[in-house]
Amino acid sequence: MSARQVLIPRLLHVGTGCLRDVGPLLADHDFDLRCVLVGSGRGASRMLAEAVVEGLRRADVRVVVVSQLAGRLDQAASIASTIIEEGVTAAVAVGGGRVLDTVKLAAARTDVDFVSVPTAVSNDGISSPVASLVGKDGARATHSARMPCGIVVDVAAIGSAPPATIRAGVGDLVSNLTACLDWRLADREGREQYDAYAAMIAESAARPALELDEVTSSASHEVLAQGLLLSGLAMAASGTSRPCSGAEHLISHALDARLGRGAALHGEQVALGTLVAAAAHNSALLPALQSLYLRLGLPLRPDDVGLTTAQLVDAVQAGPALRPDRWTILSDERFRHRMEAEALVAGAMGYRPVAVPSTRSITRSVAAPSSR
């Protein structure tokens, strides 16, 4: 019997005002600092990255700075080229999910250590082993990468991010719960093998978020950051995004594909998709999620994030085709019918009870939330 081997970050630091300490933290954890690339985005993340660069240069580290990153595949390719040309030995990304994923993929393809320094917690990209980037055709696609070798979370930086990004992070985190329902369903249908260990990590990461009363305090930011970090560990443990990505993510990907730049934040769309998935599973999670969203200001209706109900219904129907290999509750052929998809969305949004008759797939997928 072979033992499970899970690569975890050798550096994990959560603190306040610790951006200038990134250099010493890397040195203390045996990172190769002969040449460090620091990538950032626009605006606030670029300014925050300057603190990281200053700390590294103060330690006499040669630094290559790359900015204006926006989550594009061509930018990841350019950074990979820079890493090779400059002899970069470690790559640090300072910013939100788009910045992190861009540098993450470049580091994975060039086999250098990647360090994640999130300035927002809008999704689990801060620790996940995958990168979601926009290609030259304008479509967003997910690429296999690696879990960061180091993660440094400055709670003060996260607290300065727009409130919508923090709420989006909650949406992405609680989606673990419906993703695991889908994973169990896929196992029961003989479509994929369920990993109870990875699912336990993912669910344990998400459940504290259900108890949040606000998202303005540093304590709530720590709960969110820790949950998203554990989500990355769940994906690394399973070797797949399954424990953190199910029907709700397919809905979000479908919205991205159809709306492009008109799409809402990933975590906001996933939050809506999580309501839909919980309703489709007839799960007791649905009222708990609706209560959480109401307390924290997460979207309960499509128009809360500038979408229409018709667009959400379209995404419910289109989502499964984006990844036919990923069996979810929406893979049930009933949801190909417009009326059934509309009834599902109406029930999820709280307009009226779900008017979708039970079938074998539905009834077999009903599972009370675990107490873990």
Protein backbone atom coordinates (compact mmCIF):
# COMPACT_ATOMS: atom_id res chain seq x y z
CA MET A 1 0.00 0.00 0.00
CA SER A 2 1.56 3.30 -1.07
CA ALA A 3 1.50 6.29 1.27
CA ARG A 4 0.02 9.59 0.22
CA GLN A 5 2.62 12.26 -0.51
CA VAL A 6 1.48 15.87 -0.39
CA LEU A 7 3.80 18.76 -1.15
CA ILE A 8 2.96 21.67 1.14
CA PRO A 9 4.46 25.18 1.32
CA ARG A 10 7.64 25.26 3.37
CA LEU A 11 6.84 28.86 4.28
CA LEU A 12 3.48 29.96 5.64
CA HIS A 13 3.33 33.29 7.42
CA VAL A 14 0.25 35.29 8.40
CA GLY A 15 0.91 38.64 10.03
CA THR A 16 0.22 42.36 9.98
CA GLY A 17 2.51 44.75 8.12
CA CYS A 18 4.84 41.97 7.02
CA LEU A 19 5.42 42.85 3.36
CA ARG A 20 8.91 44.23 4.03
CA ASP A 21 9.71 40.99 5.85
CA VAL A 22 9.24 38.80 2.76
CA GLY A 23 12.98 38.83 2.00
CA PRO A 24 14.10 37.71 5.49
CA LEU A 25 11.28 35.13 5.60
CA LEU A 26 12.47 33.62 2.33
CA ALA A 27 16.07 33.56 3.54
CA ASP A 28 15.04 31.88 6.80
CA HIS A 29 13.25 29.13 4.84
CA ASP A 30 16.12 28.33 2.48
CA PHE A 31 14.83 29.92 -0.73
CA ASP A 32 17.46 30.55 -3.38
CA LEU A 33 17.73 34.35 -3.45
CA ARG A 34 20.38 34.88 -6.10
CA CYS A 35 17.76 36.57 -8.29
CA VAL A 36 14.11 37.12 -7.35
CA LEU A 37 11.34 38.17 -9.71
CA VAL A 38 8.55 40.24 -8.14
CA GLY A 39 5.34 40.50 -10.14
CA SER A 40 2.41 42.80 -9.42
CA GLY A 41 -0.65 44.28 -11.06
CA ARG A 42 -1.87 47.81 -11.37
CA GLY A 43 -2.62 50.39 -8.71
CA ALA A 44 -2.63 49.20 -5.12
CA SER A 45 -0.87 45.87 -5.69
CA ARG A 46 1.99 47.62 -7.48
CA MET A 47 2.50 49.96 -4.54
CA LEU A 48 2.35 47.10 -2.05
CA ALA A 49 4.87 45.18 -4.14
CA GLU A 50 7.30 48.05 -3.73
CA ALA A 51 7.52 47.22 -0.03
CA VAL A 52 8.49 43.63 -0.91
CA VAL A 53 11.08 44.84 -3.45
CA GLU A 54 12.52 47.30 -0.92
CA GLY A 55 12.93 44.56 1.68
CA LEU A 56 14.66 42.25 -0.80
CA ARG A 57 17.04 44.93 -2.05
CA ARG A 58 17.87 45.89 1.50
CA ALA A 59 19.13 42.32 1.85
CA ASP A 60 21.29 42.77 -1.29
CA VAL A 61 19.07 40.53 -3.42
CA ARG A 62 19.02 41.16 -7.18
CA VAL A 63 15.39 41.86 -8.08
CA VAL A 64 13.59 41.75 -11.43
CA VAL A 65 10.33 43.72 -11.33
CA VAL A 66 7.35 42.96 -13.56
CA SER A 67 4.10 44.92 -13.22
CA GLN A 68 0.77 45.52 -14.95
CA LEU A 69 -0.10 41.82 -14.79
CA ALA A 70 -3.75 41.15 -15.63
CA GLY A 71 -4.16 37.39 -15.74
CA ARG A 72 -3.31 36.78 -19.38
CA LEU A 73 -1.64 33.68 -20.78
CA ASP A 74 0.73 35.71 -22.96
CA GLN A 75 1.95 37.53 -19.85
CA ALA A 76 2.71 34.20 -18.17
CA ALA A 77 4.69 33.16 -21.26
CA SER A 78 6.60 36.46 -21.18
CA ILE A 79 7.44 36.04 -17.49
CA ALA A 80 8.64 32.48 -18.14
CA SER A 81 10.99 33.89 -20.78
CA THR A 82 12.22 36.56 -18.34
CA ILE A 83 12.84 33.92 -15.68
CA ILE A 84 15.04 31.98 -18.09
CA GLU A 85 16.87 34.99 -19.51
CA GLU A 86 17.56 36.64 -16.14
CA GLY A 87 18.44 33.48 -14.25
CA VAL A 88 15.61 33.99 -11.76
CA THR A 89 15.76 31.54 -8.85
CA ALA A 90 12.49 32.42 -7.11
CA ALA A 91 9.32 34.20 -8.27
CA VAL A 92 7.12 36.26 -5.94
CA ALA A 93 3.64 37.46 -6.89
CA VAL A 94 2.09 40.37 -5.00
CA GLY A 95 -1.54 41.03 -5.82
CA GLY A 96 -4.93 39.47 -6.41
CA GLY A 97 -5.83 36.25 -8.17
CA ARG A 98 -4.94 37.43 -11.67
CA VAL A 99 -1.42 38.43 -10.64
CA LEU A 100 -0.88 35.28 -8.59
CA ASP A 101 -2.06 32.95 -11.36
CA THR A 102 0.09 34.67 -14.01
CA VAL A 103 3.32 34.29 -12.05
CA LYS A 104 2.28 30.88 -10.69
CA LEU A 105 2.02 29.35 -14.16
CA ALA A 106 5.30 30.92 -15.33
CA ALA A 107 7.11 29.57 -12.27
CA ALA A 108 5.62 26.10 -12.72
CA ARG A 109 6.67 25.94 -16.37
CA THR A 110 10.24 27.03 -15.57
CA ASP A 111 10.58 24.96 -12.38
CA VAL A 112 11.42 27.79 -9.99
CA ASP A 113 10.01 28.33 -6.51
CA PHE A 114 6.82 30.37 -6.44
CA VAL A 115 5.82 32.53 -3.48
CA SER A 116 2.28 33.86 -3.15
CA VAL A 117 1.78 37.23 -1.44
CA PRO A 118 -1.95 37.97 -1.79
CA THR A 119 -3.24 41.50 -1.39
CA ALA A 120 -6.85 40.31 -1.67
CA VAL A 121 -8.63 37.09 -0.72
CA SER A 122 -11.26 37.05 -3.44
CA ASN A 123 -10.62 33.40 -4.37
CA ASP A 124 -8.57 30.31 -3.48
CA GLY A 125 -5.90 31.11 -6.07
CA ILE A 126 -3.69 32.26 -3.20
CA SER A 127 -2.74 28.64 -2.55
CA SER A 128 -4.20 26.46 -5.30
CA PRO A 129 -2.11 24.36 -7.72
CA VAL A 130 -4.01 25.67 -10.75
CA ALA A 131 -3.96 28.95 -12.71
CA SER A 132 -6.94 30.51 -14.47
CA LEU A 133 -5.80 32.76 -17.32
CA VAL A 134 -7.26 34.44 -20.40
CA GLY A 135 -5.87 33.23 -23.73
CA LYS A 136 -5.42 35.14 -26.97
CA ASP A 137 -8.96 34.19 -28.00
CA GLY A 138 -10.31 36.05 -24.97
CA ALA A 139 -11.51 32.87 -23.28
CA ARG A 140 -10.50 31.97 -19.74
CA ALA A 141 -9.00 28.52 -19.23
CA THR A 142 -7.59 26.63 -16.26
CA HIS A 143 -3.99 25.40 -16.42
CA SER A 144 -2.22 22.91 -14.20
CA ALA A 145 0.50 24.55 -12.11
CA ARG A 146 1.88 23.87 -8.63
CA MET A 147 0.97 24.81 -5.10
CA PRO A 148 3.12 27.76 -3.91
CA CYS A 149 6.35 26.93 -2.11
CA GLY A 150 5.71 29.91 0.15
CA ILE A 151 2.68 31.96 1.19
CA VAL A 152 2.90 35.27 3.05
CA VAL A 153 -0.39 36.88 4.05
CA ASP A 154 -0.38 40.47 5.27
CA VAL A 155 -3.73 40.89 7.02
CA ALA A 156 -3.41 44.68 6.83
CA ALA A 157 -3.01 44.54 3.04
CA ILE A 158 -6.04 42.29 2.72
CA GLY A 159 -8.08 44.64 4.89
CA SER A 160 -7.29 47.53 2.57
CA ALA A 161 -8.74 45.69 -0.45
CA PRO A 162 -12.21 46.62 -1.74
CA PRO A 163 -14.93 45.00 0.44
CA ALA A 164 -16.39 43.27 -2.63
CA THR A 165 -13.20 41.22 -3.02
CA ILE A 166 -13.43 40.00 0.57
CA ARG A 167 -17.07 38.98 0.12
CA ALA A 168 -16.10 37.25 -3.12
CA GLY A 169 -13.53 35.24 -1.16
CA VAL A 170 -16.28 34.04 1.16
CA GLY A 171 -18.29 32.97 -1.89
CA ASP A 172 -15.38 30.97 -3.30
CA LEU A 173 -14.64 29.37 0.06
CA VAL A 174 -18.15 28.14 0.93
CA SER A 175 -18.44 26.64 -2.55
CA ASN A 176 -16.23 23.81 -1.25
CA LEU A 177 -19.36 22.44 0.40
CA THR A 178 -21.37 22.03 -2.80
CA ALA A 179 -18.26 20.94 -4.71
CA CYS A 180 -17.88 18.03 -2.30
CA LEU A 181 -21.56 17.14 -2.73
CA ASP A 182 -20.91 16.94 -6.47
CA TRP A 183 -17.80 14.86 -5.90
CA ARG A 184 -19.73 12.32 -3.83
CA LEU A 185 -22.40 12.23 -6.51
CA ALA A 186 -19.82 11.57 -9.22
CA ASP A 187 -18.44 8.70 -7.14
CA ARG A 188 -21.90 7.17 -6.65
CA GLU A 189 -22.58 7.45 -10.37
CA GLY A 190 -19.30 5.66 -11.11
CA ARG A 191 -17.85 8.70 -12.86
CA GLU A 192 -14.94 9.54 -10.56
CA GLN A 193 -13.32 8.30 -7.37
CA TYR A 194 -14.10 10.33 -4.26
CA ASP A 195 -11.24 11.20 -1.89
CA ALA A 196 -12.63 11.47 1.63
CA TYR A 197 -9.37 12.85 3.03
CA ALA A 198 -9.18 15.78 0.61
CA ALA A 199 -12.91 16.45 0.96
CA MET A 200 -12.55 16.57 4.74
CA ILE A 201 -9.89 19.26 4.40
CA ALA A 202 -12.01 21.27 1.95
CA GLU A 203 -15.15 21.08 4.07
CA SER A 204 -13.26 21.87 7.27
CA ALA A 205 -11.80 24.91 5.53
CA ALA A 206 -15.23 26.19 4.52
CA ARG A 207 -17.42 25.59 7.56
CA PRO A 208 -16.00 28.37 9.78
CA ALA A 209 -17.02 30.85 7.09
CA LEU A 210 -20.67 29.90 7.61
CA GLU A 211 -20.43 31.40 11.10
CA LEU A 212 -19.06 34.80 10.05
CA ASP A 213 -21.13 37.80 11.11
CA GLU A 214 -19.01 40.40 9.32
CA VAL A 215 -16.05 40.73 6.98
CA THR A 216 -14.52 43.98 8.20
CA SER A 217 -12.38 42.84 11.11
CA SER A 218 -8.88 41.41 10.94
CA ALA A 219 -10.21 38.32 12.72
CA SER A 220 -12.67 37.62 9.90
CA HIS A 221 -9.93 38.20 7.35
CA GLU A 222 -7.76 35.61 9.09
CA VAL A 223 -10.62 33.10 9.06
CA LEU A 224 -11.05 33.68 5.34
CA ALA A 225 -7.33 33.54 4.53
CA GLN A 226 -6.83 30.35 6.54
CA GLY A 227 -9.82 28.72 4.86
CA LEU A 228 -8.55 29.56 1.38
CA LEU A 229 -5.08 28.28 2.28
CA LEU A 230 -6.58 24.98 3.40
CA SER A 231 -8.54 24.81 0.16
CA GLY A 232 -5.26 24.84 -1.71
CA LEU A 233 -4.02 22.01 0.50
CA ALA A 234 -7.17 19.98 -0.29
CA MET A 235 -6.50 20.35 -4.01
CA ALA A 236 -2.85 19.45 -3.58
CA ALA A 237 -3.80 16.39 -1.52
CA SER A 238 -6.21 15.11 -4.16
CA GLY A 239 -4.24 16.16 -7.22
CA THR A 240 -7.36 17.78 -8.65
CA SER A 241 -9.50 20.87 -8.12
CA ARG A 242 -12.47 18.58 -7.37
CA PRO A 243 -12.73 19.32 -3.61
CA CYS A 244 -13.17 23.04 -4.35
CA SER A 245 -14.81 23.11 -7.78
CA GLY A 246 -18.12 21.64 -8.87
CA ALA A 247 -21.30 22.81 -10.57
CA GLU A 248 -21.00 26.27 -9.04
CA HIS A 249 -17.64 26.84 -10.76
CA LEU A 250 -18.93 25.56 -14.08
CA ILE A 251 -21.70 28.18 -13.83
CA SER A 252 -19.10 30.88 -13.20
CA HIS A 253 -16.92 29.68 -16.10
CA ALA A 254 -19.96 29.76 -18.39
CA LEU A 255 -20.70 33.35 -17.34
CA ASP A 256 -17.06 34.29 -18.02
CA ALA A 257 -17.22 32.71 -21.47
CA ARG A 258 -20.43 34.49 -22.41
CA LEU A 259 -19.86 37.87 -20.80
CA GLY A 260 -16.09 38.40 -21.01
CA ARG A 261 -15.21 41.65 -19.30
CA GLY A 262 -18.86 42.11 -18.40
CA ALA A 263 -18.66 39.23 -15.94
CA ALA A 264 -18.77 39.84 -12.20
CA LEU A 265 -16.00 38.86 -9.77
CA HIS A 266 -15.25 35.15 -9.84
CA GLY A 267 -16.20 34.69 -6.20
CA GLU A 268 -19.47 36.60 -6.64
CA GLN A 269 -20.49 34.41 -9.56
CA VAL A 270 -19.44 31.28 -7.67
CA ALA A 271 -21.55 32.45 -4.71
CA LEU A 272 -24.64 32.52 -6.93
CA GLY A 273 -23.66 29.18 -8.45
CA THR A 274 -23.34 27.70 -4.97
CA LEU A 275 -26.96 28.61 -4.22
CA VAL A 276 -28.02 26.93 -7.46
CA ALA A 277 -25.97 23.81 -6.71
CA ALA A 278 -27.29 23.57 -3.14
CA ALA A 279 -30.86 23.84 -4.45
CA ALA A 280 -30.23 21.18 -7.11
CA HIS A 281 -28.90 18.84 -4.41
CA ASN A 282 -31.92 19.67 -2.23
CA SER A 283 -29.36 20.32 0.48
CA ALA A 284 -29.94 21.79 3.91
CA LEU A 285 -27.04 24.07 3.06
CA LEU A 286 -29.32 26.34 1.01
CA PRO A 287 -31.00 28.23 3.88
CA ALA A 288 -27.69 28.44 5.76
CA LEU A 289 -26.03 29.96 2.70
CA GLN A 290 -28.88 32.40 2.12
CA SER A 291 -28.64 33.54 5.74
CA LEU A 292 -24.87 33.97 5.46
CA TYR A 293 -25.18 35.95 2.23
CA LEU A 294 -27.80 38.21 3.76
CA ARG A 295 -25.59 38.92 6.80
CA LEU A 296 -22.45 39.65 4.80
CA GLY A 297 -23.89 41.29 1.70
CA LEU A 298 -23.08 38.53 -0.77
CA PRO A 299 -25.26 38.35 -3.89
CA LEU A 300 -28.59 36.59 -3.44
CA ARG A 301 -29.93 37.50 -6.87
CA PRO A 302 -28.24 37.88 -10.27
CA ASP A 303 -29.07 41.59 -10.40
CA ASP A 304 -27.05 42.10 -7.21
CA VAL A 305 -23.93 41.81 -9.42
CA GLY A 306 -25.29 43.26 -12.64
CA LEU A 307 -26.47 39.98 -14.18
CA THR A 308 -29.91 38.93 -15.36
CA THR A 309 -31.80 35.82 -14.35
CA ALA A 310 -31.77 34.72 -18.00
CA GLN A 311 -27.96 34.94 -18.06
CA LEU A 312 -27.73 32.78 -14.96
CA VAL A 313 -30.12 30.21 -16.43
CA ASP A 314 -28.06 30.19 -19.63
CA ALA A 315 -24.95 29.48 -17.54
CA VAL A 316 -26.68 26.64 -15.67
CA GLN A 317 -27.41 24.98 -19.00
CA ALA A 318 -24.07 25.77 -20.66
CA GLY A 319 -21.77 24.97 -17.72
CA PRO A 320 -21.64 21.16 -17.97
CA ALA A 321 -20.50 21.28 -21.60
CA LEU A 322 -17.39 23.24 -20.62
CA ARG A 323 -16.04 20.21 -18.76
CA PRO A 324 -17.92 17.08 -19.81
CA ASP A 325 -15.43 15.01 -17.81
CA ARG A 326 -16.52 16.68 -14.56
CA TRP A 327 -19.77 15.09 -13.46
CA THR A 328 -21.91 17.35 -11.27
CA ILE A 329 -25.55 17.64 -10.32
CA LEU A 330 -26.05 19.80 -13.43
CA SER A 331 -24.97 16.88 -15.63
CA ASP A 332 -28.47 15.48 -15.10
CA GLU A 333 -30.16 15.66 -18.49
CA ARG A 334 -33.26 17.29 -16.98
CA PHE A 335 -31.44 20.61 -16.70
CA ARG A 336 -31.01 20.70 -20.46
CA HIS A 337 -34.69 21.67 -20.55
CA ARG A 338 -35.16 25.40 -20.16
CA MET A 339 -38.18 25.18 -17.87
CA GLU A 340 -36.37 22.90 -15.44
CA ALA A 341 -33.31 25.15 -15.36
CA GLU A 342 -35.50 28.20 -14.80
CA ALA A 343 -37.33 26.43 -11.96
CA LEU A 344 -34.02 25.50 -10.36
CA VAL A 345 -32.68 29.06 -10.49
CA ALA A 346 -35.96 30.47 -9.16
CA GLY A 347 -35.82 28.11 -6.18
CA ALA A 348 -32.17 28.86 -5.51
CA MET A 349 -32.82 32.59 -5.52
CA GLY A 350 -35.69 32.17 -3.09
CA TYR A 351 -38.49 33.22 -5.43
CA ARG A 352 -40.38 30.00 -4.76
CA PRO A 353 -39.61 26.37 -3.77
CA VAL A 354 -37.66 24.34 -6.28
CA ALA A 355 -40.20 22.84 -8.68
CA VAL A 356 -37.93 20.11 -10.00
CA PRO A 357 -39.21 16.54 -9.57
CA SER A 358 -36.96 13.99 -7.92
CA THR A 359 -35.00 11.51 -9.97
CA ARG A 360 -32.42 8.90 -9.08
CA SER A 361 -29.54 11.37 -9.54
CA ILE A 362 -31.22 14.01 -7.39
CA THR A 363 -32.31 11.77 -4.54
CA ARG A 364 -29.01 9.95 -4.42
CA SER A 365 -27.12 13.24 -4.20
CA VAL A 366 -29.01 14.52 -1.18
CA ALA A 367 -26.62 14.54 1.73
CA ALA A 368 -26.88 16.39 4.98
CA PRO A 369 -23.85 18.57 5.61
CA SER A 370 -21.23 16.69 7.56
CA SER A 371 -20.49 17.75 11.10
CA ARG A 372 -16.75 17.97 10.45
